[in-house]
C-alpha atoms as a PDB file:
ATOM      1  CA  MET A   1       0.000   0.000   0.000  1.00  0.00           C
ATOM      2  CA  ASP A   2       1.499   3.328  -1.017  1.00  0.00           C
ATOM      3  CA  SER A   3       1.378   6.466   1.142  1.00  0.00           C
ATOM      4  CA  GLY A   4      -1.649   7.875  -0.709  1.00  0.00           C
ATOM      5  CA  ASP A   5      -3.670   4.716  -0.113  1.00  0.00           C
ATOM      6  CA  ARG A   6      -2.559   4.655   3.537  1.00  0.00           C
ATOM      7  CA  ALA A   7      -3.679   8.281   3.990  1.00  0.00           C
ATOM      8  CA  LYS A   8      -7.092   7.503   2.477  1.00  0.00           C
ATOM      9  CA  ALA A   9      -7.468   4.467   4.745  1.00  0.00           C
ATOM     10  CA  ASP A  10      -6.512   6.594   7.764  1.00  0.00           C
ATOM     11  CA  ARG A  11      -9.156   9.185   6.847  1.00  0.00           C
ATOM     12  CA  ALA A  12     -11.786   6.454   6.503  1.00  0.00           C
ATOM     13  CA  ASP A  13     -10.795   5.134   9.939  1.00  0.00           C
ATOM     14  CA  GLN A  14     -11.151   8.625  11.418  1.00  0.00           C
ATOM     15  CA  VAL A  15     -14.638   8.998   9.935  1.00  0.00           C
ATOM     16  CA  ALA A  16     -15.646   5.592  11.316  1.00  0.00           C
ATOM     17  CA  LEU A  17     -14.357   6.558  14.776  1.00  0.00           C
ATOM     18  CA  ARG A  18     -16.316   9.825  14.751  1.00  0.00           C
ATOM     19  CA  HIS A  19     -19.472   7.966  13.729  1.00  0.00           C
ATOM     20  CA  THR A  20     -18.958   5.472  16.564  1.00  0.00           C
ATOM     21  CA  GLN A  21     -18.430   8.293  19.072  1.00  0.00           C
ATOM     22  CA  LEU A  22     -21.673   9.941  17.974  1.00  0.00           C
ATOM     23  CA  LYS A  23     -23.614   6.686  18.237  1.00  0.00           C
ATOM     24  CA  GLU A  24     -22.315   6.250  21.799  1.00  0.00           C
ATOM     25  CA  LYS A  25     -23.853   9.631  22.665  1.00  0.00           C
ATOM     26  CA  MET A  26     -27.207   8.388  21.322  1.00  0.00           C
ATOM     27  CA  VAL A  27     -27.779   5.609  23.863  1.00  0.00           C
ATOM     28  CA  GLY A  28     -31.398   4.480  23.833  1.00  0.00           C
ATOM     29  CA  THR A  29     -32.074   5.808  20.333  1.00  0.00           C
ATOM     30  CA  GLN A  30     -33.233   3.572  17.508  1.00  0.00           C
ATOM     31  CA  HIS A  31     -30.399   4.296  15.071  1.00  0.00           C
ATOM     32  CA  ASN A  32     -32.065   2.759  12.034  1.00  0.00           C
ATOM     33  CA  GLU A  33     -35.494   4.264  12.663  1.00  0.00           C
ATOM     34  CA  VAL A  34     -34.499   7.683  11.318  1.00  0.00           C
ATOM     35  CA  ALA A  35     -32.461   6.216   8.445  1.00  0.00           C
ATOM     36  CA  ASN A  36     -35.356   4.015   7.391  1.00  0.00           C
ATOM     37  CA  TRP A  37     -37.781   6.937   7.494  1.00  0.00           C
ATOM     38  CA  LEU A  38     -35.427   9.058   5.368  1.00  0.00           C
ATOM     39  CA  LYS A  39     -34.841   6.319   2.774  1.00  0.00           C
ATOM     40  CA  HIS A  40     -38.307   4.823   2.373  1.00  0.00           C
ATOM     41  CA  PRO A  41     -41.581   6.471   1.291  1.00  0.00           C
ATOM     42  CA  SER A  42     -43.678   4.449   3.760  1.00  0.00           C
ATOM     43  CA  GLY A  43     -44.571   5.743   7.188  1.00  0.00           C
ATOM     44  CA  PRO A  44     -45.732   9.186   8.232  1.00  0.00           C
ATOM     45  CA  PRO A  45     -45.291  12.077   5.771  1.00  0.00           C
ATOM     46  CA  THR A  46     -43.430  14.147   8.382  1.00  0.00           C
ATOM     47  CA  ALA A  47     -41.263  13.407  11.378  1.00  0.00           C
ATOM     48  CA  THR A  48     -39.410  15.320  14.038  1.00  0.00           C
ATOM     49  CA  ILE A  49     -35.709  14.517  13.953  1.00  0.00           C
ATOM     50  CA  SER A  50     -33.386  15.739  16.664  1.00  0.00           C
ATOM     51  CA  GLU A  51     -30.208  17.614  15.851  1.00  0.00           C
ATOM     52  CA  LEU A  52     -28.197  14.641  17.104  1.00  0.00           C
ATOM     53  CA  GLU A  53     -30.093  12.269  14.788  1.00  0.00           C
ATOM     54  CA  ALA A  54     -29.519  14.612  11.840  1.00  0.00           C
ATOM     55  CA  LEU A  55     -25.806  14.749  12.615  1.00  0.00           C
ATOM     56  CA  ALA A  56     -25.679  10.958  12.844  1.00  0.00           C
ATOM     57  CA  MET A  57     -27.302  10.634   9.421  1.00  0.00           C
ATOM     58  CA  ILE A  58     -24.886  13.131   7.859  1.00  0.00           C
ATOM     59  CA  GLN A  59     -21.925  11.339   9.426  1.00  0.00           C
ATOM     60  CA  ARG A  60     -23.289   8.009   8.229  1.00  0.00           C
ATOM     61  CA  ALA A  61     -23.539   9.378   4.683  1.00  0.00           C
ATOM     62  CA  ILE A  62     -19.990  10.743   4.848  1.00  0.00           C
ATOM     63  CA  LEU A  63     -18.730   7.391   6.138  1.00  0.00           C
ATOM     64  CA  LYS A  64     -20.360   5.559   3.238  1.00  0.00           C
ATOM     65  CA  TYR A  65     -19.060   8.100   0.717  1.00  0.00           C
ATOM     66  CA  SER A  66     -15.572   7.892   2.201  1.00  0.00           C
ATOM     67  CA  ALA A  67     -15.552   4.100   2.071  1.00  0.00           C
ATOM     68  CA  THR A  68     -16.834   4.052  -1.512  1.00  0.00           C
ATOM     69  CA  TYR A  69     -14.614   6.784  -2.938  1.00  0.00           C
ATOM     70  CA  ASN A  70     -11.542   6.265  -0.710  1.00  0.00           C
ATOM     71  CA  GLY A  71     -11.783   9.526   1.161  1.00  0.00           C
ATOM     72  CA  ALA A  72     -13.937  12.495   2.016  1.00  0.00           C
ATOM     73  CA  THR A  73     -13.989  15.942   0.459  1.00  0.00           C
ATOM     74  CA  THR A  74     -12.467  18.904   2.277  1.00  0.00           C
ATOM     75  CA  ASN A  75     -15.955  20.166   3.209  1.00  0.00           C
ATOM     76  CA  MET A  76     -16.857  16.756   4.615  1.00  0.00           C
ATOM     77  CA  GLN A  77     -13.642  16.642   6.630  1.00  0.00           C
ATOM     78  CA  ASN A  78     -14.284  20.175   7.955  1.00  0.00           C
ATOM     79  CA  PHE A  79     -17.839  19.229   8.928  1.00  0.00           C
ATOM     80  CA  LEU A  80     -16.629  16.136  10.776  1.00  0.00           C
ATOM     81  CA  ALA A  81     -13.879  18.070  12.546  1.00  0.00           C
ATOM     82  CA  GLY A  82     -16.410  20.665  13.708  1.00  0.00           C
ATOM     83  CA  GLN A  83     -18.772  17.995  14.991  1.00  0.00           C
ATOM     84  CA  GLU A  84     -15.943  16.206  16.759  1.00  0.00           C
ATOM     85  CA  ALA A  85     -15.059  19.471  18.521  1.00  0.00           C
ATOM     86  CA  ARG A  86     -18.720  19.861  19.565  1.00  0.00           C
ATOM     87  CA  LEU A  87     -18.823  16.306  20.912  1.00  0.00           C
ATOM     88  CA  ARG A  88     -15.710  17.019  22.945  1.00  0.00           C
ATOM     89  CA  GLY A  89     -17.208  20.286  24.184  1.00  0.00           C
ATOM     90  CA  LYS A  90     -14.643  22.479  22.458  1.00  0.00           C
ATOM     91  CA  ALA A  91     -16.951  24.372  20.122  1.00  0.00           C
END
């Protein structure tokens, strides 16, 4: 594995860690409930989604993008860094 591939793998690992940290903050929440509602046309026409659930869905999308395309865009990385700072209480 060359250095570019290693860097991409490291970024994907960082995204996965951030997603795991967020899920740990959501104890007692049905993680797939929101994702299923967003992806499928069945169910109620509207729903109330907490900020934490919205962040989890965005991080989940970034994680999937990163895994598929071997890395995240600069905007995605900046978003994740900002959310990580919030989770740590630094923002």
